[in-house]
Amino acid sequence: MKKILLSVIASFVLVAPASAEVAVLAAPLQAASLHAGAFDMVAYRVDLPDGAHEVTAMFRDRMDGEPQRVVMRLEDQDEVQFSMPGALQMTYTFARVADAVEIWAQPAPAEFASR
């Protein structure tokens, strides 16, 4: 009985991160939004002649109306993680997966969020 209970608990723990909201940019100029933590974010990508993707994301704090712009270049299998100034408790990840860009947010580890 304990083995079954532990297996069920482990399966929930392993599935939980995959159920987080993920924004996918599957085509050039396609926009997607993400609403996690204190920020709303919208992003789009442009395909560059050398095969890289240039991703532009606009973040807006729900309490402060001033948007913040982030631009990054992603080549195949690149991944960028960062937190927004003043909101270190949430980490945003932009990952190039094949010909798409996946974007998600997750709570930052406690040692980073407390800095």
N, C-alpha and C. Protein backbone atom coordinates (compact mmCIF):
# COMPACT_ATOMS: atom_id res chain seq x y z
N MET A 1 0.82 -1.20 0.00
CA MET A 1 0.00 0.00 0.00
C MET A 1 0.86 1.26 0.00
N LYS A 2 1.96 1.24 0.80
CA LYS A 2 2.84 2.39 0.86
C LYS A 2 3.50 2.65 -0.50
N LYS A 3 3.88 1.57 -1.20
CA LYS A 3 4.50 1.71 -2.51
C LYS A 3 3.55 2.36 -3.50
N ILE A 4 2.30 1.95 -3.47
CA ILE A 4 1.30 2.52 -4.38
C ILE A 4 1.10 3.99 -4.07
N LEU A 5 0.96 4.33 -2.80
CA LEU A 5 0.77 5.72 -2.39
C LEU A 5 1.96 6.58 -2.80
N LEU A 6 3.17 6.08 -2.58
CA LEU A 6 4.36 6.82 -2.98
C LEU A 6 4.44 6.98 -4.49
N SER A 7 4.04 5.98 -5.24
CA SER A 7 4.04 6.07 -6.70
C SER A 7 3.06 7.14 -7.18
N VAL A 8 1.89 7.17 -6.58
CA VAL A 8 0.89 8.17 -6.96
C VAL A 8 1.40 9.57 -6.63
N ILE A 9 1.96 9.76 -5.45
CA ILE A 9 2.50 11.07 -5.06
C ILE A 9 3.63 11.47 -5.99
N ALA A 10 4.52 10.56 -6.30
CA ALA A 10 5.64 10.85 -7.20
C ALA A 10 5.13 11.24 -8.58
N SER A 11 4.09 10.60 -9.08
CA SER A 11 3.58 10.95 -10.40
C SER A 11 2.99 12.35 -10.41
N PHE A 12 2.35 12.77 -9.33
CA PHE A 12 1.84 14.14 -9.27
C PHE A 12 2.98 15.14 -9.23
N VAL A 13 4.02 14.84 -8.49
CA VAL A 13 5.16 15.75 -8.40
C VAL A 13 5.84 15.88 -9.75
N LEU A 14 5.98 14.78 -10.47
CA LEU A 14 6.64 14.81 -11.77
C LEU A 14 5.79 15.49 -12.83
N VAL A 15 4.49 15.42 -12.72
CA VAL A 15 3.60 16.02 -13.71
C VAL A 15 3.38 17.50 -13.43
N ALA A 16 3.49 17.95 -12.21
CA ALA A 16 3.16 19.33 -11.86
C ALA A 16 3.89 20.38 -12.68
N PRO A 17 5.22 20.32 -12.88
CA PRO A 17 5.89 21.34 -13.67
C PRO A 17 5.41 21.38 -15.11
N ALA A 18 5.05 20.24 -15.68
CA ALA A 18 4.60 20.20 -17.07
C ALA A 18 3.24 20.86 -17.25
N SER A 19 2.47 21.00 -16.19
CA SER A 19 1.15 21.59 -16.32
C SER A 19 1.18 23.11 -16.22
N ALA A 20 2.36 23.70 -16.05
CA ALA A 20 2.47 25.16 -15.99
C ALA A 20 2.12 25.76 -17.34
N GLU A 21 1.69 27.00 -17.33
CA GLU A 21 1.35 27.70 -18.56
C GLU A 21 2.60 27.88 -19.41
N VAL A 22 2.52 27.51 -20.68
CA VAL A 22 3.63 27.65 -21.61
C VAL A 22 3.13 28.40 -22.83
N ALA A 23 3.85 29.47 -23.20
CA ALA A 23 3.55 30.21 -24.42
C ALA A 23 4.49 29.68 -25.50
N VAL A 24 3.95 29.38 -26.68
CA VAL A 24 4.76 28.83 -27.77
C VAL A 24 4.69 29.76 -28.98
N LEU A 25 5.88 30.13 -29.47
CA LEU A 25 5.99 30.92 -30.69
C LEU A 25 6.42 29.96 -31.79
N ALA A 26 5.46 29.44 -32.55
CA ALA A 26 5.72 28.39 -33.53
C ALA A 26 5.99 28.92 -34.93
N ALA A 27 5.71 30.20 -35.17
CA ALA A 27 5.89 30.76 -36.51
C ALA A 27 6.36 32.21 -36.39
N PRO A 28 7.02 32.73 -37.42
CA PRO A 28 7.47 34.12 -37.39
C PRO A 28 6.28 35.08 -37.22
N LEU A 29 6.50 36.10 -36.42
CA LEU A 29 5.52 37.16 -36.12
C LEU A 29 4.28 36.67 -35.38
N GLN A 30 4.27 35.42 -34.97
CA GLN A 30 3.18 34.92 -34.13
C GLN A 30 3.41 35.42 -32.71
N ALA A 31 2.39 35.95 -32.10
CA ALA A 31 2.50 36.45 -30.73
C ALA A 31 1.85 35.48 -29.76
N ALA A 32 2.35 35.49 -28.52
CA ALA A 32 1.77 34.68 -27.46
C ALA A 32 1.90 35.46 -26.16
N SER A 33 1.03 35.17 -25.22
CA SER A 33 1.08 35.88 -23.94
C SER A 33 1.22 34.88 -22.79
N LEU A 34 1.71 35.40 -21.68
CA LEU A 34 1.90 34.61 -20.47
C LEU A 34 1.53 35.50 -19.30
N HIS A 35 0.79 34.96 -18.37
CA HIS A 35 0.32 35.73 -17.21
C HIS A 35 0.72 34.96 -15.96
N ALA A 36 1.90 35.28 -15.43
CA ALA A 36 2.42 34.56 -14.26
C ALA A 36 3.12 35.55 -13.34
N GLY A 37 3.02 35.30 -12.07
CA GLY A 37 3.66 36.20 -11.12
C GLY A 37 3.02 37.57 -11.16
N ALA A 38 3.82 38.60 -10.98
CA ALA A 38 3.32 39.97 -10.93
C ALA A 38 3.24 40.61 -12.31
N PHE A 39 3.67 39.89 -13.37
CA PHE A 39 3.76 40.48 -14.70
C PHE A 39 2.85 39.79 -15.71
N ASP A 40 2.38 40.60 -16.66
CA ASP A 40 1.78 40.09 -17.88
C ASP A 40 2.83 40.26 -18.95
N MET A 41 2.97 39.27 -19.84
CA MET A 41 4.00 39.31 -20.87
C MET A 41 3.39 38.94 -22.21
N VAL A 42 3.82 39.63 -23.24
CA VAL A 42 3.48 39.25 -24.61
C VAL A 42 4.80 39.22 -25.38
N ALA A 43 4.94 38.23 -26.27
CA ALA A 43 6.19 38.07 -27.01
C ALA A 43 5.90 37.68 -28.45
N TYR A 44 6.84 37.98 -29.32
CA TYR A 44 6.79 37.52 -30.70
C TYR A 44 8.21 37.25 -31.17
N ARG A 45 8.34 36.53 -32.28
CA ARG A 45 9.66 36.22 -32.80
C ARG A 45 9.76 36.62 -34.25
N VAL A 46 10.99 36.90 -34.66
CA VAL A 46 11.32 37.18 -36.05
C VAL A 46 12.44 36.22 -36.43
N ASP A 47 12.32 35.57 -37.57
CA ASP A 47 13.38 34.67 -38.04
C ASP A 47 14.47 35.49 -38.72
N LEU A 48 15.71 35.26 -38.32
CA LEU A 48 16.85 35.96 -38.90
C LEU A 48 17.43 35.15 -40.07
N PRO A 49 18.11 35.82 -40.99
CA PRO A 49 18.64 35.12 -42.17
C PRO A 49 19.56 33.95 -41.85
N ASP A 50 20.27 33.99 -40.73
CA ASP A 50 21.20 32.91 -40.38
C ASP A 50 20.53 31.74 -39.64
N GLY A 51 19.20 31.77 -39.49
CA GLY A 51 18.47 30.68 -38.84
C GLY A 51 18.14 30.91 -37.38
N ALA A 52 18.71 31.93 -36.78
CA ALA A 52 18.40 32.25 -35.38
C ALA A 52 17.02 32.93 -35.31
N HIS A 53 16.46 32.97 -34.11
CA HIS A 53 15.21 33.69 -33.87
C HIS A 53 15.51 34.89 -32.98
N GLU A 54 14.97 36.05 -33.34
CA GLU A 54 15.04 37.21 -32.46
C GLU A 54 13.69 37.31 -31.77
N VAL A 55 13.69 37.22 -30.46
CA VAL A 55 12.46 37.25 -29.67
C VAL A 55 12.37 38.58 -28.95
N THR A 56 11.24 39.24 -29.09
CA THR A 56 10.97 40.49 -28.38
C THR A 56 9.83 40.22 -27.41
N ALA A 57 10.03 40.56 -26.15
CA ALA A 57 9.01 40.36 -25.12
C ALA A 57 8.77 41.67 -24.39
N MET A 58 7.53 41.98 -24.15
CA MET A 58 7.15 43.15 -23.36
C MET A 58 6.52 42.65 -22.07
N PHE A 59 7.07 43.11 -20.95
CA PHE A 59 6.57 42.76 -19.62
C PHE A 59 5.93 44.00 -19.02
N ARG A 60 4.80 43.81 -18.37
CA ARG A 60 4.13 44.92 -17.68
C ARG A 60 3.69 44.45 -16.31
N ASP A 61 4.18 45.14 -15.30
CA ASP A 61 3.77 44.87 -13.93
C ASP A 61 2.31 45.26 -13.79
N ARG A 62 1.51 44.38 -13.20
CA ARG A 62 0.08 44.67 -13.07
C ARG A 62 -0.20 45.86 -12.16
N MET A 63 0.75 46.20 -11.28
CA MET A 63 0.55 47.32 -10.36
C MET A 63 1.13 48.63 -10.90
N ASP A 64 2.06 48.54 -11.84
CA ASP A 64 2.72 49.71 -12.41
C ASP A 64 2.58 49.63 -13.93
N GLY A 65 2.05 50.64 -14.55
CA GLY A 65 1.75 50.60 -15.97
C GLY A 65 2.92 50.76 -16.91
N GLU A 66 4.15 50.87 -16.43
CA GLU A 66 5.30 51.10 -17.30
C GLU A 66 5.84 49.77 -17.86
N PRO A 67 5.71 49.53 -19.19
CA PRO A 67 6.19 48.26 -19.75
C PRO A 67 7.72 48.21 -19.83
N GLN A 68 8.25 47.00 -19.80
CA GLN A 68 9.69 46.77 -19.93
C GLN A 68 9.90 45.84 -21.12
N ARG A 69 10.86 46.18 -21.97
CA ARG A 69 11.11 45.43 -23.21
C ARG A 69 12.40 44.62 -23.08
N VAL A 70 12.33 43.36 -23.52
CA VAL A 70 13.49 42.48 -23.52
C VAL A 70 13.61 41.90 -24.94
N VAL A 71 14.81 41.97 -25.52
CA VAL A 71 15.05 41.40 -26.85
C VAL A 71 16.21 40.42 -26.73
N MET A 72 16.06 39.24 -27.33
CA MET A 72 17.12 38.24 -27.26
C MET A 72 17.22 37.48 -28.56
N ARG A 73 18.40 36.97 -28.82
CA ARG A 73 18.66 36.13 -29.99
C ARG A 73 18.77 34.68 -29.49
N LEU A 74 18.00 33.78 -30.10
CA LEU A 74 18.03 32.38 -29.71
C LEU A 74 18.41 31.51 -30.90
N GLU A 75 19.49 30.78 -30.76
CA GLU A 75 19.87 29.79 -31.76
C GLU A 75 19.38 28.43 -31.29
N ASP A 76 19.54 27.42 -32.13
CA ASP A 76 19.03 26.09 -31.82
C ASP A 76 19.52 25.61 -30.45
N GLN A 77 18.60 25.18 -29.60
CA GLN A 77 18.82 24.65 -28.26
C GLN A 77 19.28 25.69 -27.24
N ASP A 78 19.21 26.98 -27.56
CA ASP A 78 19.53 28.02 -26.58
C ASP A 78 18.40 28.12 -25.56
N GLU A 79 18.77 28.51 -24.34
CA GLU A 79 17.80 28.74 -23.27
C GLU A 79 18.28 29.91 -22.44
N VAL A 80 17.38 30.85 -22.17
CA VAL A 80 17.70 32.03 -21.37
C VAL A 80 16.74 32.08 -20.20
N GLN A 81 17.28 32.29 -18.99
CA GLN A 81 16.46 32.43 -17.78
C GLN A 81 16.81 33.73 -17.09
N PHE A 82 15.78 34.41 -16.59
CA PHE A 82 16.01 35.65 -15.85
C PHE A 82 14.79 35.98 -15.00
N SER A 83 14.99 36.90 -14.07
CA SER A 83 13.90 37.47 -13.28
C SER A 83 13.81 38.95 -13.60
N MET A 84 12.65 39.50 -13.44
CA MET A 84 12.46 40.93 -13.69
C MET A 84 12.89 41.72 -12.46
N PRO A 85 13.44 42.91 -12.67
CA PRO A 85 13.83 43.75 -11.52
C PRO A 85 12.65 43.98 -10.57
N GLY A 86 12.90 43.80 -9.31
CA GLY A 86 11.87 43.99 -8.30
C GLY A 86 10.93 42.81 -8.13
N ALA A 87 11.11 41.76 -8.93
CA ALA A 87 10.24 40.58 -8.84
C ALA A 87 11.09 39.32 -8.94
N LEU A 88 12.05 39.19 -8.04
CA LEU A 88 13.00 38.09 -8.10
C LEU A 88 12.40 36.73 -7.74
N GLN A 89 11.18 36.70 -7.26
CA GLN A 89 10.57 35.44 -6.85
C GLN A 89 10.05 34.62 -8.04
N MET A 90 10.09 35.17 -9.27
CA MET A 90 9.62 34.46 -10.45
C MET A 90 10.74 34.44 -11.50
N THR A 91 10.99 33.27 -12.07
CA THR A 91 12.00 33.12 -13.12
C THR A 91 11.30 32.85 -14.44
N TYR A 92 11.66 33.61 -15.47
CA TYR A 92 11.11 33.43 -16.82
C TYR A 92 12.14 32.70 -17.66
N THR A 93 11.69 31.73 -18.45
CA THR A 93 12.58 30.94 -19.30
C THR A 93 12.10 31.04 -20.75
N PHE A 94 13.05 31.32 -21.64
CA PHE A 94 12.82 31.35 -23.08
C PHE A 94 13.73 30.27 -23.66
N ALA A 95 13.14 29.28 -24.34
CA ALA A 95 13.93 28.15 -24.85
C ALA A 95 13.61 27.91 -26.32
N ARG A 96 14.66 27.75 -27.09
CA ARG A 96 14.51 27.40 -28.51
C ARG A 96 14.41 25.89 -28.58
N VAL A 97 13.29 25.38 -29.04
CA VAL A 97 13.04 23.95 -29.16
C VAL A 97 12.70 23.68 -30.63
N ALA A 98 13.66 23.09 -31.36
CA ALA A 98 13.52 22.86 -32.80
C ALA A 98 13.29 24.22 -33.48
N ASP A 99 12.17 24.38 -34.16
CA ASP A 99 11.91 25.65 -34.85
C ASP A 99 10.92 26.53 -34.09
N ALA A 100 10.70 26.25 -32.83
CA ALA A 100 9.77 27.04 -32.01
C ALA A 100 10.51 27.63 -30.81
N VAL A 101 9.86 28.60 -30.18
CA VAL A 101 10.36 29.17 -28.93
C VAL A 101 9.29 28.91 -27.88
N GLU A 102 9.68 28.30 -26.77
CA GLU A 102 8.76 28.06 -25.66
C GLU A 102 9.12 28.99 -24.52
N ILE A 103 8.10 29.56 -23.90
CA ILE A 103 8.29 30.52 -22.81
C ILE A 103 7.44 30.07 -21.63
N TRP A 104 8.06 30.04 -20.45
CA TRP A 104 7.30 29.70 -19.25
C TRP A 104 7.89 30.44 -18.05
N ALA A 105 7.11 30.47 -16.98
CA ALA A 105 7.55 31.10 -15.73
C ALA A 105 7.38 30.09 -14.61
N GLN A 106 8.28 30.19 -13.64
CA GLN A 106 8.20 29.31 -12.47
C GLN A 106 8.77 30.04 -11.28
N PRO A 107 8.34 29.68 -10.09
CA PRO A 107 8.91 30.32 -8.90
C PRO A 107 10.42 30.10 -8.84
N ALA A 108 11.14 31.15 -8.50
CA ALA A 108 12.59 31.07 -8.38
C ALA A 108 12.97 30.29 -7.12
N PRO A 109 14.12 29.62 -7.16
CA PRO A 109 14.59 28.95 -5.94
C PRO A 109 14.71 29.98 -4.81
N ALA A 110 14.44 29.55 -3.59
CA ALA A 110 14.42 30.47 -2.44
C ALA A 110 15.71 31.25 -2.28
N GLU A 111 16.86 30.64 -2.58
CA GLU A 111 18.14 31.34 -2.38
C GLU A 111 18.30 32.50 -3.36
N PHE A 112 17.65 32.44 -4.53
CA PHE A 112 17.74 33.55 -5.47
C PHE A 112 16.67 34.59 -5.19
N ALA A 113 15.47 34.15 -4.85
CA ALA A 113 14.37 35.06 -4.61
C ALA A 113 14.59 35.95 -3.40
N SER A 114 15.43 35.52 -2.47
CA SER A 114 15.62 36.30 -1.24
C SER A 114 16.73 37.34 -1.37
N ARG A 115 17.42 37.37 -2.49
CA ARG A 115 18.52 38.34 -2.67
C ARG A 115 18.02 39.72 -2.97
